[in-house]
Protein backbone atom coordinates (compact mmCIF):
# COMPACT_ATOMS: atom_id res chain seq x y z
CA UNK A 1 1.77 -40.76 44.89
CA UNK A 2 3.46 -38.78 47.63
CA UNK A 3 1.56 -35.68 48.64
CA UNK A 4 0.07 -33.75 51.50
CA UNK A 5 -3.27 -32.03 52.08
CA UNK A 6 -4.03 -28.63 53.62
CA UNK A 7 -1.54 -27.40 56.25
CA UNK A 8 -4.16 -27.24 59.05
CA UNK A 9 -5.31 -30.83 58.57
CA UNK A 10 -1.72 -32.11 58.28
CA UNK A 11 -0.73 -30.37 61.49
CA UNK A 12 -3.59 -31.96 63.47
CA UNK A 13 -2.85 -35.45 62.17
CA UNK A 14 0.88 -35.15 62.70
CA UNK A 15 0.32 -33.97 66.30
CA UNK A 16 -1.00 -37.45 67.05
CA UNK A 17 1.37 -39.45 64.81
CA UNK A 18 4.71 -37.90 65.75
CA UNK A 19 6.33 -36.95 69.03
CA UNK A 20 6.73 -33.27 69.76
CA UNK A 21 10.35 -33.15 68.62
CA UNK A 22 9.72 -34.78 65.26
CA UNK A 23 6.67 -32.73 64.12
CA UNK A 24 8.68 -29.85 62.73
CA UNK A 25 11.02 -32.18 60.86
CA UNK A 26 8.11 -34.06 59.39
CA UNK A 27 6.36 -30.87 58.30
CA UNK A 28 9.53 -29.62 56.59
CA UNK A 29 10.07 -32.81 54.60
CA UNK A 30 9.23 -32.68 50.89
CA UNK A 31 7.99 -36.25 50.81
CA UNK A 32 6.09 -37.85 53.69
CA UNK A 33 5.66 -41.64 53.64
CA UNK A 34 2.08 -42.73 53.06
CA UNK A 35 0.32 -44.27 56.01
CA UNK A 36 -3.20 -45.55 56.41
CA UNK A 37 -3.73 -43.57 59.59
CA UNK A 38 -2.84 -40.23 57.98
CA UNK A 39 -3.55 -40.64 54.25
CA UNK A 40 -6.32 -43.19 54.26
CA UNK A 41 -8.97 -40.63 55.23
CA UNK A 42 -8.13 -38.24 52.37
CA UNK A 43 -10.57 -38.01 49.48
CA UNK A 44 -9.73 -37.09 45.86
CA UNK A 45 -6.42 -37.02 43.97
CA UNK A 46 -3.38 -35.92 45.91
CA UNK A 47 -0.66 -33.71 44.37
CA UNK A 48 2.99 -32.95 44.96
CA UNK A 49 3.93 -29.56 46.33
CA UNK A 50 5.13 -28.34 42.89
CA UNK A 51 1.86 -29.39 41.32
CA UNK A 52 -0.16 -27.60 43.98
CA UNK A 53 1.78 -24.36 43.31
CA UNK A 54 1.40 -24.56 39.53
CA UNK A 55 -1.29 -22.78 37.46
CA UNK A 56 -4.32 -24.98 36.95
CA UNK A 57 -6.50 -24.99 33.88
CA UNK A 58 -10.22 -25.02 34.46
CA UNK A 59 -11.92 -27.22 31.91
CA UNK A 60 -14.83 -25.92 29.89
CA UNK A 61 -13.95 -22.19 29.90
CA UNK A 62 -12.13 -21.95 26.56
CA UNK A 63 -14.16 -20.75 23.58
CA UNK A 64 -11.62 -21.91 20.99
CA UNK A 65 -12.98 -24.35 18.43
CA UNK A 66 -11.84 -27.92 18.94
CA UNK A 67 -12.16 -28.88 15.26
CA UNK A 68 -9.93 -26.78 12.99
CA UNK A 69 -12.26 -27.43 10.06
CA UNK A 70 -14.83 -25.17 11.74
CA UNK A 71 -12.54 -22.14 11.80
CA UNK A 72 -13.97 -20.76 8.56
CA UNK A 73 -17.35 -20.42 10.26
CA UNK A 74 -15.95 -18.30 13.06
CA UNK A 75 -16.48 -14.53 12.73
CA UNK A 76 -13.22 -12.64 12.32
CA UNK A 77 -12.42 -9.98 14.88
CA UNK A 78 -12.44 -7.01 12.47
CA UNK A 79 -12.51 -3.38 13.47
CA UNK A 80 -16.10 -2.18 13.42
CA UNK A 81 -16.20 1.29 11.87
CA UNK A 82 -18.63 4.12 11.22
CA UNK A 83 -17.89 6.44 8.27
CA UNK A 84 -18.36 10.21 8.46
CA UNK A 85 -18.24 12.66 5.56
CA UNK A 86 -18.71 16.41 5.14
CA UNK A 87 -20.55 17.46 1.99
CA UNK A 88 -19.30 20.91 1.01
CA UNK A 89 -19.61 21.04 -2.81
CA UNK A 90 -21.21 19.06 -5.61
CA UNK A 91 -24.36 17.01 -5.63
CA UNK A 92 -25.72 14.47 -3.17
CA UNK A 93 -24.62 11.73 -5.58
CA UNK A 94 -21.04 13.04 -5.46
CA UNK A 95 -21.05 12.90 -1.67
CA UNK A 96 -22.49 9.37 -1.69
CA UNK A 97 -19.86 8.21 -4.20
CA UNK A 98 -17.07 9.64 -2.06
CA UNK A 99 -18.36 7.83 1.03
CA UNK A 100 -18.80 4.61 -0.98
CA UNK A 101 -15.15 4.83 -2.00
CA UNK A 102 -14.19 5.37 1.66
CA UNK A 103 -16.15 2.22 2.52
CA UNK A 104 -14.20 0.28 -0.12
CA UNK A 105 -10.94 1.60 1.35
CA UNK A 106 -12.02 0.57 4.85
CA UNK A 107 -12.91 -2.94 3.68
CA UNK A 108 -9.55 -3.21 1.90
CA UNK A 109 -7.84 -2.30 5.18
CA UNK A 110 -9.73 -5.13 6.92
CA UNK A 111 -12.54 -3.23 8.65
CA UNK A 112 -16.25 -4.01 8.94
CA UNK A 113 -18.35 -1.01 7.92
CA UNK A 114 -21.46 -0.66 10.09
CA UNK A 115 -22.87 2.72 9.09
CA UNK A 116 -22.08 5.92 7.21
CA UNK A 117 -23.31 9.48 7.71
CA UNK A 118 -22.82 12.74 5.80
CA UNK A 119 -23.08 16.26 7.23
CA UNK A 120 -23.97 19.19 4.95
CA UNK A 121 -21.73 22.18 5.75
CA UNK A 122 -20.09 25.05 3.90
CA UNK A 123 -16.74 23.92 5.29
CA UNK A 124 -15.61 21.38 7.92
CA UNK A 125 -15.86 22.55 11.51
CA UNK A 126 -12.49 23.73 12.82
CA UNK A 127 -12.97 22.00 16.17
CA UNK A 128 -14.75 18.67 15.63
CA UNK A 129 -14.94 18.42 11.79
CA UNK A 130 -18.75 17.97 11.80
CA UNK A 131 -19.79 20.39 14.55
CA UNK A 132 -20.34 19.85 18.26
CA UNK A 133 -24.03 18.93 18.01
CA UNK A 134 -23.49 16.42 15.21
CA UNK A 135 -20.53 14.98 17.10
CA UNK A 136 -22.89 14.12 19.98
CA UNK A 137 -25.29 12.50 17.47
CA UNK A 138 -22.34 10.55 16.08
CA UNK A 139 -21.53 9.33 19.59
CA UNK A 140 -25.06 7.96 19.87
CA UNK A 141 -24.65 6.13 16.54
CA UNK A 142 -21.35 4.64 17.75
CA UNK A 143 -22.99 3.40 20.95
CA UNK A 144 -25.98 2.01 19.06
CA UNK A 145 -23.91 0.10 16.50
CA UNK A 146 -21.14 -1.00 18.87
CA UNK A 147 -18.42 0.50 16.66
CA UNK A 148 -14.88 0.92 17.93
CA UNK A 149 -13.53 3.27 15.22
CA UNK A 150 -14.74 6.35 13.33
CA UNK A 151 -13.25 7.10 9.88
CA UNK A 152 -13.58 10.63 8.51
CA UNK A 153 -13.65 11.27 4.75
CA UNK A 154 -10.97 13.95 4.77
CA UNK A 155 -7.67 14.88 6.36
CA UNK A 156 -8.20 16.03 9.95
CA UNK A 157 -5.93 18.36 11.87
CA UNK A 158 -4.42 17.10 15.14
CA UNK A 159 -6.86 19.29 17.09
CA UNK A 160 -9.88 17.93 15.24
CA UNK A 161 -8.75 14.35 15.90
CA UNK A 162 -8.36 14.95 19.63
CA UNK A 163 -11.61 16.87 20.13
CA UNK A 164 -13.72 14.45 18.07
CA UNK A 165 -12.27 11.51 20.02
CA UNK A 166 -13.12 13.27 23.28
CA UNK A 167 -16.77 13.40 22.20
CA UNK A 168 -17.33 10.00 20.56
CA UNK A 169 -15.07 8.14 23.06
CA UNK A 170 -13.62 5.78 20.39
CA UNK A 171 -10.63 5.90 18.06
CA UNK A 172 -10.90 8.42 15.20
CA UNK A 173 -8.80 8.25 12.03
CA UNK A 174 -8.98 10.18 8.77
CA UNK A 175 -8.79 9.20 5.10
CA UNK A 176 -5.04 9.80 4.94
CA UNK A 177 -4.28 7.45 7.84
CA UNK A 178 -6.52 4.81 6.25
CA UNK A 179 -4.71 4.96 2.89
CA UNK A 180 -1.34 4.84 4.65
CA UNK A 181 -2.46 1.72 6.52
CA UNK A 182 -3.45 0.03 3.24
CA UNK A 183 -0.09 0.95 1.70
CA UNK A 184 1.72 -0.47 4.73
CA UNK A 185 -0.16 -3.78 4.33
CA UNK A 186 0.51 -4.09 0.58
CA UNK A 187 4.11 -2.86 0.27
CA UNK A 188 6.38 -5.80 -0.58
CA UNK A 189 9.65 -4.47 -1.97
CA UNK A 190 12.35 -2.74 0.07
CA UNK A 191 11.77 0.53 -1.75
CA UNK A 192 8.01 0.35 -1.31
CA UNK A 193 8.30 -0.32 2.41
CA UNK A 194 10.74 2.57 2.83
CA UNK A 195 8.46 4.96 0.95
CA UNK A 196 5.44 3.97 3.03
CA UNK A 197 7.43 4.28 6.28
CA UNK A 198 8.55 7.79 5.30
CA UNK A 199 4.99 8.85 4.48
CA UNK A 200 3.72 7.45 7.79
CA UNK A 201 6.37 9.33 9.79
CA UNK A 202 5.57 12.56 7.93
CA UNK A 203 1.92 12.10 8.86
CA UNK A 204 2.66 11.08 12.46
CA UNK A 205 5.11 13.87 13.35
CA UNK A 206 2.58 16.71 13.94
CA UNK A 207 0.09 14.31 15.55
CA UNK A 208 2.22 12.96 18.39
CA UNK A 209 0.42 13.21 21.70
CA UNK A 210 1.77 13.13 25.21
CA UNK A 211 0.40 12.69 28.67
CA UNK A 212 1.81 11.68 32.04
CA UNK A 213 5.48 10.88 31.73
CA UNK A 214 5.50 11.89 28.06
CA UNK A 215 5.27 15.52 29.20
CA UNK A 216 7.77 15.21 32.03
CA UNK A 217 11.18 16.76 31.50
CA UNK A 218 14.61 15.31 31.74
CA UNK A 219 16.73 16.27 34.74
CA UNK A 220 17.52 19.96 34.76
CA UNK A 221 17.61 22.94 37.07
CA UNK A 222 21.10 22.21 38.33
CA UNK A 223 20.31 18.91 40.04
CA UNK A 224 22.39 16.90 37.60
CA UNK A 225 25.62 18.85 37.73
CA UNK A 226 27.39 20.66 34.94
CA UNK A 227 25.71 21.05 31.53
CA UNK A 228 22.34 19.80 32.81
CA UNK A 229 20.82 23.08 34.03
CA UNK A 230 17.75 24.46 32.36
CA UNK A 231 14.22 23.23 31.70
CA UNK A 232 15.34 19.99 30.03
CA UNK A 233 13.68 18.17 27.12
CA UNK A 234 10.30 16.48 27.41
CA UNK A 235 9.87 12.91 26.24
CA UNK A 236 7.52 13.96 23.45
CA UNK A 237 10.19 16.37 22.18
CA UNK A 238 12.67 13.50 22.26
CA UNK A 239 10.23 11.37 20.24
CA UNK A 240 9.85 14.12 17.65
CA UNK A 241 13.62 14.46 17.33
CA UNK A 242 14.03 10.72 16.85
CA UNK A 243 11.32 10.66 14.18
CA UNK A 244 13.06 13.50 12.31
CA UNK A 245 16.33 11.57 12.46
CA UNK A 246 14.62 8.44 11.12
CA UNK A 247 12.99 10.47 8.34
CA UNK A 248 16.36 11.89 7.31
CA UNK A 249 17.85 8.39 7.24
CA UNK A 250 14.88 7.07 5.24
CA UNK A 251 15.21 9.87 2.68
CA UNK A 252 18.87 8.99 2.18
CA UNK A 253 17.99 5.32 1.66
CA UNK A 254 15.25 6.19 -0.85
CA UNK A 255 17.67 8.49 -2.68
CA UNK A 256 20.15 5.60 -2.97
CA UNK A 257 17.42 3.35 -4.35
CA UNK A 258 16.38 6.11 -6.72
CA UNK A 259 19.92 6.11 -8.12
CA UNK A 260 19.59 2.45 -9.10
CA UNK A 261 16.26 3.12 -10.80
CA UNK A 262 17.75 6.12 -12.63
CA UNK A 263 20.68 4.00 -13.90
CA UNK A 264 18.22 1.53 -15.40
CA UNK A 265 16.31 4.35 -17.07
CA UNK A 266 19.54 5.81 -18.48
CA UNK A 267 20.44 2.40 -19.89
CA UNK A 268 17.09 2.21 -21.66
CA UNK A 269 17.51 5.74 -22.98
CA UNK A 270 21.03 4.94 -24.17
CA UNK A 271 19.70 1.97 -26.11
CA UNK A 272 16.94 4.19 -27.51
CA UNK A 273 14.21 1.88 -26.19
CA UNK A 274 10.87 3.75 -26.00
CA UNK A 275 9.00 3.53 -22.71
CA UNK A 276 5.27 3.40 -22.01
CA UNK A 277 3.86 4.02 -18.51
CA UNK A 278 0.50 2.67 -17.33
CA UNK A 279 -1.16 5.16 -14.99
CA UNK A 280 -4.66 5.27 -13.64
CA UNK A 281 -7.07 5.10 -10.75
CA UNK A 282 -6.67 2.29 -8.27
CA UNK A 283 -8.53 -0.90 -9.21
CA UNK A 284 -9.01 0.33 -12.79
CA UNK A 285 -7.26 -2.78 -14.15
CA UNK A 286 -3.68 -1.57 -14.75
CA UNK A 287 -2.02 -4.83 -13.69
CA UNK A 288 -4.55 -6.84 -15.71
CA UNK A 289 -3.73 -4.75 -18.78
CA UNK A 290 0.01 -5.24 -18.21
CA UNK A 291 -0.49 -9.00 -17.98
CA UNK A 292 -2.60 -9.01 -21.16
CA UNK A 293 -0.03 -6.97 -23.13
CA UNK A 294 3.15 -8.67 -21.89
CA UNK A 295 2.21 -11.83 -19.94
CA UNK A 296 3.99 -10.35 -16.90
CA UNK A 297 2.14 -12.42 -14.30
CA UNK A 298 1.64 -9.48 -11.92
CA UNK A 299 -0.78 -9.93 -9.01
CA UNK A 300 -4.34 -9.14 -10.05
CA UNK A 301 -6.97 -8.68 -7.35
CA UNK A 302 -10.30 -6.89 -7.13
CA UNK A 303 -9.07 -4.62 -4.33
CA UNK A 304 -7.84 -1.06 -3.95
CA UNK A 305 -4.04 -0.65 -4.11
CA UNK A 306 -3.51 -4.40 -4.58
CA UNK A 307 -0.10 -3.70 -6.17
CA UNK A 308 2.19 -0.87 -5.10
CA UNK A 309 5.61 -1.79 -6.44
CA UNK A 310 6.25 -0.65 -10.03
CA UNK A 311 6.79 -3.39 -12.60
CA UNK A 312 8.71 -2.84 -15.87
CA UNK A 313 8.36 -5.41 -18.65
CA UNK A 314 9.65 -5.69 -22.21
CA UNK A 315 7.05 -5.61 -24.97
CA UNK A 316 6.93 -5.56 -28.76
CA UNK A 317 4.67 -3.73 -31.18
CA UNK A 318 2.98 -5.54 -34.09
CA UNK A 319 5.65 -4.09 -36.41
CA UNK A 320 8.43 -5.58 -34.27
CA UNK A 321 9.54 -2.47 -32.38
CA UNK A 322 10.69 -3.07 -28.81
CA UNK A 323 9.54 -0.90 -25.92
CA UNK A 324 9.18 -1.10 -22.14
CA UNK A 325 5.84 -1.11 -20.32
CA UNK A 326 5.80 0.12 -16.69
CA UNK A 327 2.95 -0.45 -14.25
CA UNK A 328 2.82 2.33 -11.62
CA UNK A 329 1.08 2.79 -8.29
CA UNK A 330 -2.63 3.51 -8.46
CA UNK A 331 -4.06 6.94 -7.71
CA UNK A 332 -7.13 7.95 -5.76
CA UNK A 333 -9.11 11.10 -5.06
CA UNK A 334 -7.48 13.33 -2.45
CA UNK A 335 -4.28 11.27 -2.59
CA UNK A 336 -2.30 12.34 0.51
CA UNK A 337 0.55 14.67 -0.36
CA UNK A 338 2.75 12.60 1.97
CA UNK A 339 2.37 9.73 -0.48
CA UNK A 340 3.01 11.88 -3.52
CA UNK A 341 6.28 13.06 -1.98
CA UNK A 342 7.34 9.62 -0.72
CA UNK A 343 6.50 7.86 -4.00
CA UNK A 344 7.94 10.58 -6.22
CA UNK A 345 10.87 8.35 -7.28
CA UNK A 346 8.36 5.68 -8.35
CA UNK A 347 6.07 8.15 -10.10
CA UNK A 348 9.02 9.48 -12.10
CA UNK A 349 8.45 6.45 -14.34
CA UNK A 350 5.43 8.37 -15.63
CA UNK A 351 7.33 11.62 -16.19
CA UNK A 352 10.23 9.94 -18.02
CA UNK A 353 8.06 7.85 -20.34
CA UNK A 354 7.40 8.50 -24.02
CA UNK A 355 3.71 7.61 -23.79
CA UNK A 356 1.15 7.30 -20.98
CA UNK A 357 -1.63 4.73 -21.06
CA UNK A 358 -4.20 6.37 -18.80
CA UNK A 359 -6.42 3.48 -17.67
CA UNK A 360 -9.92 4.32 -16.43
CA UNK A 361 -12.62 1.99 -15.12
CA UNK A 362 -15.44 2.11 -17.65
CA UNK A 363 -17.84 0.39 -15.24
CA UNK A 364 -17.41 3.09 -12.59
CA UNK A 365 -20.48 5.31 -12.01
CA UNK A 366 -18.50 8.52 -12.63
CA UNK A 367 -15.32 7.73 -14.62
CA UNK A 368 -14.74 11.41 -15.34
CA UNK A 369 -13.88 11.96 -11.68
CA UNK A 370 -11.24 9.22 -11.92
CA UNK A 371 -9.73 10.90 -14.97
CA UNK A 372 -9.57 14.25 -13.19
CA UNK A 373 -7.99 12.79 -10.04
CA UNK A 374 -5.25 10.98 -11.98
CA UNK A 375 -4.45 14.00 -14.14
CA UNK A 376 -4.05 16.10 -11.00
CA UNK A 377 -1.35 13.74 -9.73
CA UNK A 378 0.28 13.64 -13.19
CA UNK A 379 0.53 17.43 -13.01
CA UNK A 380 2.14 17.16 -9.57
CA UNK A 381 4.93 14.93 -10.90
CA UNK A 382 5.51 17.16 -13.95
CA UNK A 383 4.37 14.80 -16.70
CA UNK A 384 1.86 17.05 -18.48
CA UNK A 385 3.91 17.15 -21.72
CA UNK A 386 3.91 13.36 -22.21
CA UNK A 387 1.42 12.13 -24.87
CA UNK A 388 -1.56 10.29 -23.39
CA UNK A 389 -3.92 7.56 -24.57
CA UNK A 390 -7.06 7.06 -22.49
CA UNK A 391 -7.71 3.32 -22.18
CA UNK A 392 -11.29 2.67 -21.06
CA UNK A 393 -10.99 -0.74 -19.38
CA UNK A 394 -13.73 -3.19 -18.33
CA UNK A 395 -15.68 -2.42 -21.49
CA UNK A 396 -17.45 -5.78 -21.17
CA UNK A 397 -19.06 -4.64 -17.89
CA UNK A 398 -19.54 -0.94 -18.72
CA UNK A 399 -22.72 0.86 -19.67
CA UNK A 400 -22.68 1.40 -23.48
CA UNK A 401 -23.90 4.97 -23.02
CA UNK A 402 -20.98 5.71 -20.65
CA UNK A 403 -18.53 4.25 -23.17
CA UNK A 404 -19.96 6.38 -25.97
CA UNK A 405 -19.76 9.49 -23.80
CA UNK A 406 -16.12 8.87 -22.87
CA UNK A 407 -15.07 8.02 -26.43
CA UNK A 408 -16.73 11.20 -27.64
CA UNK A 409 -15.18 13.47 -24.99
CA UNK A 410 -11.68 11.93 -24.99
CA UNK A 411 -10.33 12.28 -28.51
CA UNK A 412 -7.40 9.89 -28.08
CA UNK A 413 -9.19 7.01 -26.38
CA UNK A 414 -9.99 3.35 -26.92
CA UNK A 415 -12.31 0.89 -25.17
CA UNK A 416 -10.78 -2.46 -24.17
CA UNK A 417 -11.36 -5.37 -21.81
CA UNK A 418 -8.23 -6.80 -20.22
CA UNK A 419 -10.25 -9.78 -18.99
CA UNK A 420 -11.69 -10.88 -22.35
CA UNK A 421 -9.05 -9.41 -24.69
CA UNK A 422 -11.49 -7.13 -26.48
CA UNK A 423 -9.73 -4.19 -28.18
CA UNK A 424 -6.20 -5.32 -27.21
CA UNK A 425 -5.07 -5.70 -30.85
CA UNK A 426 -6.33 -2.21 -31.66
CA UNK A 427 -4.55 -0.84 -28.57
CA UNK A 428 -1.24 -2.42 -29.65
CA UNK A 429 -1.59 -0.85 -33.09
CA UNK A 430 -2.35 2.52 -31.49
CA UNK A 431 0.75 2.24 -29.27
CA UNK A 432 2.81 1.46 -32.39
CA UNK A 433 1.51 4.61 -34.09
CA UNK A 434 1.98 6.89 -31.06
CA UNK A 435 5.48 5.82 -29.98
CA UNK A 436 8.19 8.23 -31.14
CA UNK A 437 9.89 7.03 -34.30
CA UNK A 438 13.62 7.31 -35.15
CA UNK A 439 14.41 10.57 -36.90
CA UNK A 440 16.82 9.42 -39.66
CA UNK A 441 15.88 7.25 -42.63
CA UNK A 442 18.90 5.44 -44.05
CA UNK A 443 19.79 2.75 -46.59
CA UNK A 444 22.95 0.73 -45.98
CA UNK A 445 24.71 -2.38 -47.32
CA UNK A 446 26.14 -3.98 -44.20
CA UNK A 447 28.80 -6.69 -44.69
CA UNK A 448 28.08 -10.05 -43.14
CA UNK A 449 31.12 -9.57 -40.92
CA UNK A 450 29.29 -6.69 -39.18
CA UNK A 451 26.11 -8.52 -38.17
CA UNK A 452 25.98 -6.59 -34.88
CA UNK A 453 24.93 -3.46 -36.78
CA UNK A 454 22.04 -5.37 -38.35
CA UNK A 455 20.98 -6.61 -34.91
CA UNK A 456 21.18 -3.07 -33.46
CA UNK A 457 19.04 -1.79 -36.33
CA UNK A 458 16.34 -4.33 -35.51
CA UNK A 459 16.55 -3.55 -31.77
CA UNK A 460 16.94 0.22 -31.75
CA UNK A 461 15.42 1.25 -35.07
CA UNK A 462 12.53 0.47 -37.38
CA UNK A 463 13.40 -1.77 -40.34
CA UNK A 464 11.46 -0.85 -43.46
CA UNK A 465 12.98 -3.50 -45.75
CA UNK A 466 15.77 -6.07 -45.57
CA UNK A 467 17.47 -7.97 -48.44
CA UNK A 468 20.37 -10.43 -48.32
CA UNK A 469 22.79 -9.95 -51.27
CA UNK A 470 26.16 -11.39 -52.22
CA UNK A 471 27.98 -8.40 -50.69
CA UNK A 472 25.97 -8.24 -47.44
CA UNK A 473 22.63 -7.24 -45.93
CA UNK A 474 20.86 -4.39 -47.67
CA UNK A 475 18.87 -2.49 -45.06
CA UNK A 476 16.39 0.32 -45.38
CA UNK A 477 15.40 1.58 -41.95
CA UNK A 478 14.61 4.50 -39.70
CA UNK A 479 17.22 4.87 -36.95
CA UNK A 480 18.41 7.42 -34.42
CA UNK A 481 21.33 9.72 -35.14
CA UNK A 482 23.98 7.71 -33.27
CA UNK A 483 23.20 4.50 -35.13
CA UNK A 484 22.94 6.41 -38.41
CA UNK A 485 26.52 7.60 -37.91
CA UNK A 486 27.69 4.00 -37.39
CA UNK A 487 25.87 2.86 -40.56
CA UNK A 488 27.07 5.81 -42.69
CA UNK A 489 30.28 4.06 -43.98
CA UNK A 490 28.13 1.33 -45.54
CA UNK A 491 25.74 3.64 -47.34
CA UNK A 492 25.69 2.97 -51.10
CA UNK A 493 26.93 5.83 -53.25
CA UNK A 494 23.64 6.03 -55.13
CA UNK A 495 21.72 6.26 -51.85
CA UNK A 496 24.08 8.94 -50.55
């Protein structure tokens, strides 16, 4: 292999091997012929000039696993978090339950929870959320556990975020940012992604920070010529303006998508198809119930906010009446108002429905809190007038005393298990009874040449009896006013 060694050694050897006039030419050549006198004394492998200049890997420094089958034994690099809550009202158990839910949210987002602390205060501290002294104690906990993130169980102001970070010296986020992060991970549809992006920008806008060049101003003061005089615009102001422009564009896109959803709802209303909306706390089993009632095949996972995109499926009551069943986004305590606003077009499925199946987790320690949190969001979207059935799910894993208490307090309630199928038949019968019925009862003899009217009666109305005669199909049914007008010409004189 052609090569050369260090420049100092080559120069000494070439001083003896070449005349004075040829040394420079020999040193400048890329390839020098091998000779025993010059190259025989070299030890080790020799390299070309390009190989000498290239980066060289040092063996034995990499910590990557050589066998891919051992990857599952390697610890994932998760964010290591410490949870912080402020206990202002309620009992100690209430505060513990709230922090336990925050831990479940953090794990859903992909974090490793190391510790959790609660501070008893009348109200959160305006500067550091938990007070300056407790913030220093929190810093010691962060150093002791090796955490790299602090999650606060509440929505922090921009000032609280900055000042708490200055004390604990690690990243600080609040409950709202955590929920937004989970939504961003789980959004799959175009509408869901747009709604999450809008909510994130609404949250980010007042919390933009700037330092260094972010606070420097564009050229002004007359140095740039005409129309450039004045203080100029800082980069952080430019960022805020761009975010507002993106938010306006995102709202227009969501409004366009809302139009498509509204057209589908109008079509269902035109066909007089009743609609049932499934609402409830996150991880209460809404998607499991939808799958059990309709066989929809929606993703089911024991995780918070596993499904965000609404799913509408066709279903049928035991008496043969058709209706639609819509699975909506899950709710949670202190649901950020950014999300309520961004997902308003999705939550309108609840407000426009004829019946709400309010699903609650019967195995939860305090299901009443879940009921209250969901009803608060239902009030926000203006769906308080819609009839409601409380469906107590996971009855197979619930405490019997808790089930009895809920069934006694909630008058229109039923205990079911979407996993085992317990109580599903009774729930279907209850839905059949609660769905609005057509207002007009009619008897008509429909000729066989007008079979479409018979089909519409089965689809849009409620057939009480049906008899095939020589003249046509004798129907007795409850139908809406529009269909009753179409059937009126075929009403027997005796029935009229």
